[in-house]
Amino acid sequence: MRAVYATDLSAASEAAIENETCLECLDRIGVEEIHLVTVVPSNVHSGMPGMDFEGRRRRALDRYRGVMESAGFGVETHVVRGTPYRRINGIADAVTADMTIVGSRGQSPLANRVIGSTARNLARTTVVPLLVNRVEREAEQPDVLAEHLFQRVLFATDFSENAERAFDAFSYLRHATQTARLVHVRSPKEPDVDGDPESRLRELADTLAQWDVDASVEVRRGDPAASILDAEAEFQPTTTLVGSRGRSRLRRLLLGSVSEEVVAEARGNVFLVPPPRSA
């Protein structure tokens, strides 16, 4: 597998990149090649007095490259200029990446300010699975909130086509997953799914059991995003797995409100799976 790892060279990004356990988790799910990317914003000019932005970023990426190569990954570095989320998506497409990774500070007092604009825009526009790796928010020397990225997975599903695609990610995540909680939320605003949702969840749990993942199931009622976040608070997963499109026509055009809220407000890591590139 090939991953694009986006960094703004902040302390939060450095904490995620240099965490040995996180790197081990990426190795366990099959990542072999990493493209380290940092973007110089268009409004930052290289000719500004005393400012060697691109040179400083290349030197920082070379340091990160050494950490990742020591962990056994093949690494390429990219220092590019432009709008961060667009350039990151462009590189992911150009190198046919299997996933994109971005570090993000954890929760703040303002729920709608939890993740930075680059992470939020990546969540809206990514064409490959996106891992939002949470880092401590307030600490001067922050650390990741969950080192074992995929050890405990909360999977939220509305049984849509893209939720099925998100579940398919277990085909490689399972190599780092020990336990999983499978959740479906019955919302008064959405029609009931065909069949008994608990039975459908148990079928998925049986699949995970064949992969030696201990899975439990739960059907909730209420607002989908709020219910998923409540389930996260109770189960305390290391990562929440969710598809980025739901059932509504609107969600075929932009990130569904449920996924957006989960990415923005989750306490821990989120692994977001979008529709395939051709969709």
C-alpha atoms as a PDB file:
ATOM      1  CA  MET A   1       0.000   0.000   0.000  1.00  0.00           C
ATOM      2  CA  ARG A   2       1.033   3.569  -0.676  1.00  0.00           C
ATOM      3  CA  ALA A   3       0.188   6.449   1.686  1.00  0.00           C
ATOM      4  CA  VAL A   4       0.415  10.218   1.419  1.00  0.00           C
ATOM      5  CA  TYR A   5       1.372  11.717   4.781  1.00  0.00           C
ATOM      6  CA  ALA A   6       0.605  15.436   4.923  1.00  0.00           C
ATOM      7  CA  THR A   7       2.407  17.617   7.437  1.00  0.00           C
ATOM      8  CA  ASP A   8       2.484  21.316   8.232  1.00  0.00           C
ATOM      9  CA  LEU A   9       5.668  20.729  10.263  1.00  0.00           C
ATOM     10  CA  SER A  10       3.872  21.717  13.474  1.00  0.00           C
ATOM     11  CA  ALA A  11       4.533  20.034  16.808  1.00  0.00           C
ATOM     12  CA  ALA A  12       1.280  18.098  16.323  1.00  0.00           C
ATOM     13  CA  SER A  13       2.373  16.731  12.952  1.00  0.00           C
ATOM     14  CA  GLU A  14       5.804  15.855  14.298  1.00  0.00           C
ATOM     15  CA  ALA A  15       4.269  13.933  17.208  1.00  0.00           C
ATOM     16  CA  ALA A  16       2.212  11.801  14.839  1.00  0.00           C
ATOM     17  CA  ILE A  17       5.008  11.187  12.358  1.00  0.00           C
ATOM     18  CA  GLU A  18       7.632  10.268  14.941  1.00  0.00           C
ATOM     19  CA  ASN A  19       5.458   7.954  17.055  1.00  0.00           C
ATOM     20  CA  GLU A  20       6.927   4.476  16.618  1.00  0.00           C
ATOM     21  CA  THR A  21       3.715   2.652  17.542  1.00  0.00           C
ATOM     22  CA  CYS A  22       1.710   4.595  14.961  1.00  0.00           C
ATOM     23  CA  LEU A  23       4.283   3.707  12.321  1.00  0.00           C
ATOM     24  CA  GLU A  24       4.113   0.048  13.369  1.00  0.00           C
ATOM     25  CA  CYS A  25       0.330   0.138  12.894  1.00  0.00           C
ATOM     26  CA  LEU A  26       0.722   1.487   9.378  1.00  0.00           C
ATOM     27  CA  ASP A  27       3.206  -1.290   8.636  1.00  0.00           C
ATOM     28  CA  ARG A  28       0.799  -3.928   9.986  1.00  0.00           C
ATOM     29  CA  ILE A  29      -2.031  -2.860   7.675  1.00  0.00           C
ATOM     30  CA  GLY A  30       0.284  -3.114   4.674  1.00  0.00           C
ATOM     31  CA  VAL A  31       1.662   0.382   4.083  1.00  0.00           C
ATOM     32  CA  GLU A  32       5.069   0.051   2.410  1.00  0.00           C
ATOM     33  CA  GLU A  33       5.601   3.405   0.704  1.00  0.00           C
ATOM     34  CA  ILE A  34       4.995   6.870   2.167  1.00  0.00           C
ATOM     35  CA  HIS A  35       4.925  10.190   0.337  1.00  0.00           C
ATOM     36  CA  LEU A  36       5.663  12.974   2.817  1.00  0.00           C
ATOM     37  CA  VAL A  37       4.016  16.195   1.668  1.00  0.00           C
ATOM     38  CA  THR A  38       4.179  19.739   2.965  1.00  0.00           C
ATOM     39  CA  VAL A  39       2.574  22.684   1.207  1.00  0.00           C
ATOM     40  CA  VAL A  40       3.847  26.260   1.190  1.00  0.00           C
ATOM     41  CA  PRO A  41       0.679  28.400   1.029  1.00  0.00           C
ATOM     42  CA  SER A  42       0.333  30.555  -2.070  1.00  0.00           C
ATOM     43  CA  ASN A  43       0.316  33.744  -0.010  1.00  0.00           C
ATOM     44  CA  VAL A  44       3.769  32.990   1.437  1.00  0.00           C
ATOM     45  CA  HIS A  45       6.464  34.352  -0.862  1.00  0.00           C
ATOM     46  CA  SER A  46       9.900  32.744  -0.976  1.00  0.00           C
ATOM     47  CA  GLY A  47      11.458  36.158  -1.550  1.00  0.00           C
ATOM     48  CA  MET A  48      10.328  37.559   1.785  1.00  0.00           C
ATOM     49  CA  PRO A  49      13.364  38.898   3.703  1.00  0.00           C
ATOM     50  CA  GLY A  50      14.988  36.276   5.924  1.00  0.00           C
ATOM     51  CA  MET A  51      12.462  33.620   4.954  1.00  0.00           C
ATOM     52  CA  ASP A  52      13.664  30.403   3.351  1.00  0.00           C
ATOM     53  CA  PHE A  53      10.352  28.568   3.709  1.00  0.00           C
ATOM     54  CA  GLU A  54      10.960  25.882   1.120  1.00  0.00           C
ATOM     55  CA  GLY A  55      14.501  25.173   2.318  1.00  0.00           C
ATOM     56  CA  ARG A  56      13.378  24.882   5.943  1.00  0.00           C
ATOM     57  CA  ARG A  57      10.578  22.555   4.947  1.00  0.00           C
ATOM     58  CA  ARG A  58      12.877  20.338   2.901  1.00  0.00           C
ATOM     59  CA  ARG A  59      15.254  20.022   5.825  1.00  0.00           C
ATOM     60  CA  ALA A  60      12.383  19.098   8.155  1.00  0.00           C
ATOM     61  CA  LEU A  61      11.039  16.530   5.689  1.00  0.00           C
ATOM     62  CA  ASP A  62      14.511  15.007   5.376  1.00  0.00           C
ATOM     63  CA  ARG A  63      14.507  14.499   9.140  1.00  0.00           C
ATOM     64  CA  TYR A  64      11.084  12.850   9.006  1.00  0.00           C
ATOM     65  CA  ARG A  65      12.236  10.744   6.062  1.00  0.00           C
ATOM     66  CA  GLY A  66      15.041   9.351   8.205  1.00  0.00           C
ATOM     67  CA  VAL A  67      12.574   8.352  10.939  1.00  0.00           C
ATOM     68  CA  MET A  68      10.298   6.566   8.484  1.00  0.00           C
ATOM     69  CA  GLU A  69      13.080   4.875   6.546  1.00  0.00           C
ATOM     70  CA  SER A  70      14.460   3.560   9.836  1.00  0.00           C
ATOM     71  CA  ALA A  71      11.013   2.056  10.434  1.00  0.00           C
ATOM     72  CA  GLY A  72      11.269   0.199   7.111  1.00  0.00           C
ATOM     73  CA  PHE A  73       9.214   2.392   4.779  1.00  0.00           C
ATOM     74  CA  GLY A  74      10.162   3.594   1.336  1.00  0.00           C
ATOM     75  CA  VAL A  75       9.832   7.386   1.449  1.00  0.00           C
ATOM     76  CA  GLU A  76       9.560  10.225  -1.064  1.00  0.00           C
ATOM     77  CA  THR A  77       9.259  13.875  -0.063  1.00  0.00           C
ATOM     78  CA  HIS A  78       7.316  16.667  -1.753  1.00  0.00           C
ATOM     79  CA  VAL A  79       7.512  20.398  -1.007  1.00  0.00           C
ATOM     80  CA  VAL A  80       4.877  22.100  -3.129  1.00  0.00           C
ATOM     81  CA  ARG A  81       3.155  25.469  -3.290  1.00  0.00           C
ATOM     82  CA  GLY A  82      -0.554  26.192  -3.444  1.00  0.00           C
ATOM     83  CA  THR A  83      -3.759  25.501  -1.539  1.00  0.00           C
ATOM     84  CA  PRO A  84      -2.892  22.723   0.934  1.00  0.00           C
ATOM     85  CA  TYR A  85      -5.872  20.383   0.547  1.00  0.00           C
ATOM     86  CA  ARG A  86      -5.862  20.698  -3.248  1.00  0.00           C
ATOM     87  CA  ARG A  87      -2.159  19.946  -3.572  1.00  0.00           C
ATOM     88  CA  ILE A  88      -2.394  17.039  -1.107  1.00  0.00           C
ATOM     89  CA  ASN A  89      -5.313  15.555  -3.054  1.00  0.00           C
ATOM     90  CA  GLY A  90      -3.439  16.130  -6.303  1.00  0.00           C
ATOM     91  CA  ILE A  91      -0.379  14.238  -5.097  1.00  0.00           C
ATOM     92  CA  ALA A  92      -2.551  11.416  -3.724  1.00  0.00           C
ATOM     93  CA  ASP A  93      -4.125  11.094  -7.157  1.00  0.00           C
ATOM     94  CA  ALA A  94      -0.820  11.385  -9.029  1.00  0.00           C
ATOM     95  CA  VAL A  95       0.920   8.648  -7.036  1.00  0.00           C
ATOM     96  CA  THR A  96      -2.274   6.499  -6.892  1.00  0.00           C
ATOM     97  CA  ALA A  97      -2.186   6.509  -3.108  1.00  0.00           C
ATOM     98  CA  ASP A  98      -4.275   4.040  -1.122  1.00  0.00           C
ATOM     99  CA  MET A  99      -4.764   6.464   1.772  1.00  0.00           C
ATOM    100  CA  THR A 100      -3.963   9.951   3.030  1.00  0.00           C
ATOM    101  CA  ILE A 101      -2.926  10.716   6.617  1.00  0.00           C
ATOM    102  CA  VAL A 102      -3.134  14.071   8.349  1.00  0.00           C
ATOM    103  CA  GLY A 103      -2.434  14.960  11.969  1.00  0.00           C
ATOM    104  CA  SER A 104      -4.997  17.071  13.791  1.00  0.00           C
ATOM    105  CA  ARG A 105      -5.258  18.593  17.226  1.00  0.00           C
ATOM    106  CA  GLY A 106      -7.935  17.087  19.480  1.00  0.00           C
ATOM    107  CA  GLN A 107     -11.072  18.739  20.771  1.00  0.00           C
ATOM    108  CA  SER A 108     -11.372  22.418  21.579  1.00  0.00           C
ATOM    109  CA  PRO A 109     -14.123  24.241  23.486  1.00  0.00           C
ATOM    110  CA  LEU A 110     -15.693  25.176  20.144  1.00  0.00           C
ATOM    111  CA  ALA A 111     -17.058  22.005  18.577  1.00  0.00           C
ATOM    112  CA  ASN A 112     -17.051  23.432  15.067  1.00  0.00           C
ATOM    113  CA  ARG A 113     -13.384  24.423  15.415  1.00  0.00           C
ATOM    114  CA  VAL A 114     -12.093  21.001  16.383  1.00  0.00           C
ATOM    115  CA  ILE A 115     -10.120  20.258  13.251  1.00  0.00           C
ATOM    116  CA  GLY A 116      -8.148  22.669  11.146  1.00  0.00           C
ATOM    117  CA  SER A 117      -9.301  23.893   7.774  1.00  0.00           C
ATOM    118  CA  THR A 118      -6.917  21.611   5.858  1.00  0.00           C
ATOM    119  CA  ALA A 119      -8.170  18.465   7.611  1.00  0.00           C
ATOM    120  CA  ARG A 120     -11.786  19.569   7.158  1.00  0.00           C
ATOM    121  CA  ASN A 121     -11.304  20.338   3.467  1.00  0.00           C
ATOM    122  CA  LEU A 122      -9.525  17.029   2.936  1.00  0.00           C
ATOM    123  CA  ALA A 123     -12.466  15.267   4.570  1.00  0.00           C
ATOM    124  CA  ARG A 124     -14.830  17.006   2.154  1.00  0.00           C
ATOM    125  CA  THR A 125     -12.825  16.344  -0.999  1.00  0.00           C
ATOM    126  CA  THR A 126     -10.581  13.294  -0.576  1.00  0.00           C
ATOM    127  CA  VAL A 127     -10.802  10.587  -3.200  1.00  0.00           C
ATOM    128  CA  VAL A 128      -8.856   8.041  -1.113  1.00  0.00           C
ATOM    129  CA  PRO A 129      -9.423   6.885   2.479  1.00  0.00           C
ATOM    130  CA  LEU A 130      -8.377   9.579   4.939  1.00  0.00           C
ATOM    131  CA  LEU A 131      -6.966   8.974   8.419  1.00  0.00           C
ATOM    132  CA  VAL A 132      -7.341  11.960  10.742  1.00  0.00           C
ATOM    133  CA  ASN A 133      -4.774  11.216  13.451  1.00  0.00           C
ATOM    134  CA  ARG A 134      -5.638  13.087  16.661  1.00  0.00           C
ATOM    135  CA  VAL A 135      -2.948  14.749  18.701  1.00  0.00           C
ATOM    136  CA  GLU A 136      -3.196  16.353  22.144  1.00  0.00           C
ATOM    137  CA  ARG A 137      -4.523  19.864  21.801  1.00  0.00           C
ATOM    138  CA  GLU A 138      -3.177  21.963  24.651  1.00  0.00           C
ATOM    139  CA  ALA A 139       0.223  20.377  25.389  1.00  0.00           C
ATOM    140  CA  GLU A 140       3.362  22.271  24.377  1.00  0.00           C
ATOM    141  CA  GLN A 141       4.965  18.947  23.445  1.00  0.00           C
ATOM    142  CA  PRO A 142       1.878  17.081  22.210  1.00  0.00           C
ATOM    143  CA  ASP A 143       1.577  13.348  21.771  1.00  0.00           C
ATOM    144  CA  VAL A 144      -0.918  11.288  19.795  1.00  0.00           C
ATOM    145  CA  LEU A 145      -4.145  10.459  21.631  1.00  0.00           C
ATOM    146  CA  ALA A 146      -4.108   6.791  20.563  1.00  0.00           C
ATOM    147  CA  GLU A 147      -0.871   5.092  19.573  1.00  0.00           C
ATOM    148  CA  HIS A 148      -2.499   1.835  18.447  1.00  0.00           C
ATOM    149  CA  LEU A 149      -4.354   3.365  15.530  1.00  0.00           C
ATOM    150  CA  PHE A 150      -6.670   0.487  14.633  1.00  0.00           C
ATOM    151  CA  GLN A 151      -6.647  -1.704  17.730  1.00  0.00           C
ATOM    152  CA  ARG A 152     -10.242  -0.831  18.751  1.00  0.00           C
ATOM    153  CA  VAL A 153     -12.483   0.219  15.868  1.00  0.00           C
ATOM    154  CA  LEU A 154     -15.953   1.732  16.015  1.00  0.00           C
ATOM    155  CA  PHE A 155     -17.681   1.132  12.674  1.00  0.00           C
ATOM    156  CA  ALA A 156     -20.803   3.186  11.958  1.00  0.00           C
ATOM    157  CA  THR A 157     -23.045   2.059   9.102  1.00  0.00           C
ATOM    158  CA  ASP A 158     -26.316   3.037   7.474  1.00  0.00           C
ATOM    159  CA  PHE A 159     -26.010  -0.038   5.207  1.00  0.00           C
ATOM    160  CA  SER A 160     -25.534   2.189   2.174  1.00  0.00           C
ATOM    161  CA  GLU A 161     -23.221   1.234  -0.670  1.00  0.00           C
ATOM    162  CA  ASN A 162     -20.444   3.414   0.654  1.00  0.00           C
ATOM    163  CA  ALA A 163     -20.863   2.100   4.199  1.00  0.00           C
ATOM    164  CA  GLU A 164     -20.220  -1.328   2.698  1.00  0.00           C
ATOM    165  CA  ARG A 165     -17.111   0.074   1.042  1.00  0.00           C
ATOM    166  CA  ALA A 166     -15.978   1.419   4.416  1.00  0.00           C
ATOM    167  CA  PHE A 167     -16.488  -2.015   5.980  1.00  0.00           C
ATOM    168  CA  ASP A 168     -14.315  -3.502   3.235  1.00  0.00           C
ATOM    169  CA  ALA A 169     -11.417  -1.535   4.750  1.00  0.00           C
ATOM    170  CA  PHE A 170     -11.337  -4.213   7.462  1.00  0.00           C
ATOM    171  CA  SER A 171      -9.742  -6.473   4.839  1.00  0.00           C
ATOM    172  CA  TYR A 172      -6.466  -4.721   5.711  1.00  0.00           C
ATOM    173  CA  LEU A 173      -7.251  -2.939   8.994  1.00  0.00           C
ATOM    174  CA  ARG A 174      -7.927  -6.340  10.590  1.00  0.00           C
ATOM    175  CA  HIS A 175      -4.193  -6.994  10.764  1.00  0.00           C
ATOM    176  CA  ALA A 176      -4.029  -4.311  13.461  1.00  0.00           C
ATOM    177  CA  THR A 177      -7.550  -4.689  14.930  1.00  0.00           C
ATOM    178  CA  GLN A 178      -8.399  -6.704  18.040  1.00  0.00           C
ATOM    179  CA  THR A 179     -11.937  -5.530  18.863  1.00  0.00           C
ATOM    180  CA  ALA A 180     -14.694  -3.710  16.995  1.00  0.00           C
ATOM    181  CA  ARG A 181     -18.106  -2.248  17.769  1.00  0.00           C
ATOM    182  CA  LEU A 182     -20.576  -2.176  14.859  1.00  0.00           C
ATOM    183  CA  VAL A 183     -23.261   0.504  15.202  1.00  0.00           C
ATOM    184  CA  HIS A 184     -26.352   1.404  13.213  1.00  0.00           C
ATOM    185  CA  VAL A 185     -28.478   4.426  14.136  1.00  0.00           C
ATOM    186  CA  ARG A 186     -32.174   4.498  13.337  1.00  0.00           C
ATOM    187  CA  SER A 187     -32.999   8.113  12.615  1.00  0.00           C
ATOM    188  CA  PRO A 188     -36.577   9.445  12.492  1.00  0.00           C
ATOM    189  CA  LYS A 189     -35.549  11.453   9.412  1.00  0.00           C
ATOM    190  CA  GLU A 190     -34.460   8.433   7.388  1.00  0.00           C
ATOM    191  CA  PRO A 191     -36.536   5.473   6.161  1.00  0.00           C
ATOM    192  CA  ASP A 192     -35.998   2.146   7.902  1.00  0.00           C
ATOM    193  CA  VAL A 193     -33.436  -0.091   6.255  1.00  0.00           C
ATOM    194  CA  ASP A 194     -34.528  -3.328   4.671  1.00  0.00           C
ATOM    195  CA  GLY A 195     -34.508  -6.241   7.090  1.00  0.00           C
ATOM    196  CA  ASP A 196     -33.575  -6.341  10.753  1.00  0.00           C
ATOM    197  CA  PRO A 197     -30.575  -4.034  11.319  1.00  0.00           C
ATOM    198  CA  GLU A 198     -29.289  -6.048  14.273  1.00  0.00           C
ATOM    199  CA  SER A 199     -29.242  -9.211  12.168  1.00  0.00           C
ATOM    200  CA  ARG A 200     -27.387  -7.380   9.426  1.00  0.00           C
ATOM    201  CA  LEU A 201     -24.850  -6.121  11.935  1.00  0.00           C
ATOM    202  CA  ARG A 202     -24.367  -9.657  13.257  1.00  0.00           C
ATOM    203  CA  GLU A 203     -23.624 -10.867   9.731  1.00  0.00           C
ATOM    204  CA  LEU A 204     -20.851  -8.281   9.556  1.00  0.00           C
ATOM    205  CA  ALA A 205     -19.635  -9.316  13.010  1.00  0.00           C
ATOM    206  CA  ASP A 206     -19.456 -12.929  11.831  1.00  0.00           C
ATOM    207  CA  THR A 207     -17.209 -11.830   8.979  1.00  0.00           C
ATOM    208  CA  LEU A 208     -14.901 -10.081  11.433  1.00  0.00           C
ATOM    209  CA  ALA A 209     -14.893 -13.164  13.676  1.00  0.00           C
ATOM    210  CA  GLN A 210     -13.468 -15.154  10.760  1.00  0.00           C
ATOM    211  CA  TRP A 211     -10.616 -12.630  10.786  1.00  0.00           C
ATOM    212  CA  ASP A 212     -10.072 -13.081  14.543  1.00  0.00           C
ATOM    213  CA  VAL A 213     -11.611  -9.705  15.392  1.00  0.00           C
ATOM    214  CA  ASP A 214     -13.861  -9.748  18.468  1.00  0.00           C
ATOM    215  CA  ALA A 215     -16.923  -7.736  17.389  1.00  0.00           C
ATOM    216  CA  SER A 216     -20.061  -6.550  19.180  1.00  0.00           C
ATOM    217  CA  VAL A 217     -23.146  -4.919  17.645  1.00  0.00           C
ATOM    218  CA  GLU A 218     -25.510  -2.158  18.678  1.00  0.00           C
ATOM    219  CA  VAL A 219     -28.594  -0.485  17.206  1.00  0.00           C
ATOM    220  CA  ARG A 220     -29.325   3.021  18.463  1.00  0.00           C
ATOM    221  CA  ARG A 221     -32.145   5.490  17.881  1.00  0.00           C
ATOM    222  CA  GLY A 222     -31.813   9.231  17.544  1.00  0.00           C
ATOM    223  CA  ASP A 223     -29.726  11.744  15.686  1.00  0.00           C
ATOM    224  CA  PRO A 224     -27.101   9.760  13.734  1.00  0.00           C
ATOM    225  CA  ALA A 225     -24.083  11.985  14.333  1.00  0.00           C
ATOM    226  CA  ALA A 226     -24.840  12.539  18.019  1.00  0.00           C
ATOM    227  CA  SER A 227     -25.482   8.818  18.517  1.00  0.00           C
ATOM    228  CA  ILE A 228     -22.217   7.833  16.829  1.00  0.00           C
ATOM    229  CA  LEU A 229     -20.300  10.311  18.966  1.00  0.00           C
ATOM    230  CA  ASP A 230     -22.032   8.944  22.085  1.00  0.00           C
ATOM    231  CA  ALA A 231     -21.027   5.432  21.021  1.00  0.00           C
ATOM    232  CA  GLU A 232     -17.447   6.642  20.593  1.00  0.00           C
ATOM    233  CA  ALA A 233     -17.443   8.133  24.104  1.00  0.00           C
ATOM    234  CA  GLU A 234     -18.703   4.848  25.571  1.00  0.00           C
ATOM    235  CA  PHE A 235     -16.631   2.371  23.534  1.00  0.00           C
ATOM    236  CA  GLN A 236     -13.494   4.558  23.441  1.00  0.00           C
ATOM    237  CA  PRO A 237     -12.151   3.223  20.145  1.00  0.00           C
ATOM    238  CA  THR A 238      -8.723   4.097  18.884  1.00  0.00           C
ATOM    239  CA  THR A 239     -10.322   4.854  15.499  1.00  0.00           C
ATOM    240  CA  THR A 240     -13.857   5.441  14.231  1.00  0.00           C
ATOM    241  CA  LEU A 241     -14.449   4.032  10.739  1.00  0.00           C
ATOM    242  CA  VAL A 242     -17.128   5.677   8.595  1.00  0.00           C
ATOM    243  CA  GLY A 243     -18.057   6.149   4.947  1.00  0.00           C
ATOM    244  CA  SER A 244     -18.174   9.717   3.666  1.00  0.00           C
ATOM    245  CA  ARG A 245     -21.450   9.533   1.799  1.00  0.00           C
ATOM    246  CA  GLY A 246     -24.860   8.557   3.117  1.00  0.00           C
ATOM    247  CA  ARG A 247     -28.168   7.833   1.422  1.00  0.00           C
ATOM    248  CA  SER A 248     -29.423  11.289   0.490  1.00  0.00           C
ATOM    249  CA  ARG A 249     -29.035  12.836  -2.948  1.00  0.00           C
ATOM    250  CA  LEU A 250     -27.227  15.812  -1.419  1.00  0.00           C
ATOM    251  CA  ARG A 251     -24.525  13.588   0.012  1.00  0.00           C
ATOM    252  CA  ARG A 252     -23.542  12.466  -3.446  1.00  0.00           C
ATOM    253  CA  LEU A 253     -22.388  16.031  -4.042  1.00  0.00           C
ATOM    254  CA  LEU A 254     -20.621  16.876  -0.796  1.00  0.00           C
ATOM    255  CA  LEU A 255     -19.611  15.330   2.477  1.00  0.00           C
ATOM    256  CA  GLY A 256     -22.724  14.149   4.310  1.00  0.00           C
ATOM    257  CA  SER A 257     -23.541  16.073   7.451  1.00  0.00           C
ATOM    258  CA  VAL A 258     -23.233  12.950   9.613  1.00  0.00           C
ATOM    259  CA  SER A 259     -19.724  12.128   8.430  1.00  0.00           C
ATOM    260  CA  GLU A 260     -18.687  15.747   8.644  1.00  0.00           C
ATOM    261  CA  GLU A 261     -19.814  16.023  12.264  1.00  0.00           C
ATOM    262  CA  VAL A 262     -18.086  12.775  13.191  1.00  0.00           C
ATOM    263  CA  VAL A 263     -14.803  13.864  11.594  1.00  0.00           C
ATOM    264  CA  ALA A 264     -15.011  17.289  13.224  1.00  0.00           C
ATOM    265  CA  GLU A 265     -16.151  16.338  16.711  1.00  0.00           C
ATOM    266  CA  ALA A 266     -14.815  12.846  17.401  1.00  0.00           C
ATOM    267  CA  ARG A 267     -12.512  12.605  20.384  1.00  0.00           C
ATOM    268  CA  GLY A 268     -10.182  10.129  18.719  1.00  0.00           C
ATOM    269  CA  ASN A 269      -8.925   9.150  15.292  1.00  0.00           C
ATOM    270  CA  VAL A 270     -11.294   8.911  12.333  1.00  0.00           C
ATOM    271  CA  PHE A 271     -10.783   6.788   9.206  1.00  0.00           C
ATOM    272  CA  LEU A 272     -12.997   8.184   6.453  1.00  0.00           C
ATOM    273  CA  VAL A 273     -13.662   6.114   3.323  1.00  0.00           C
ATOM    274  CA  PRO A 274     -15.007   8.007   0.258  1.00  0.00           C
ATOM    275  CA  PRO A 275     -16.631   6.570  -2.862  1.00  0.00           C
ATOM    276  CA  PRO A 276     -14.233   5.215  -5.495  1.00  0.00           C
ATOM    277  CA  ARG A 277     -12.420   7.711  -7.741  1.00  0.00           C
ATOM    278  CA  SER A 278     -14.831   7.125 -10.615  1.00  0.00           C
ATOM    279  CA  ALA A 279     -17.900   8.011  -8.500  1.00  0.00           C
END
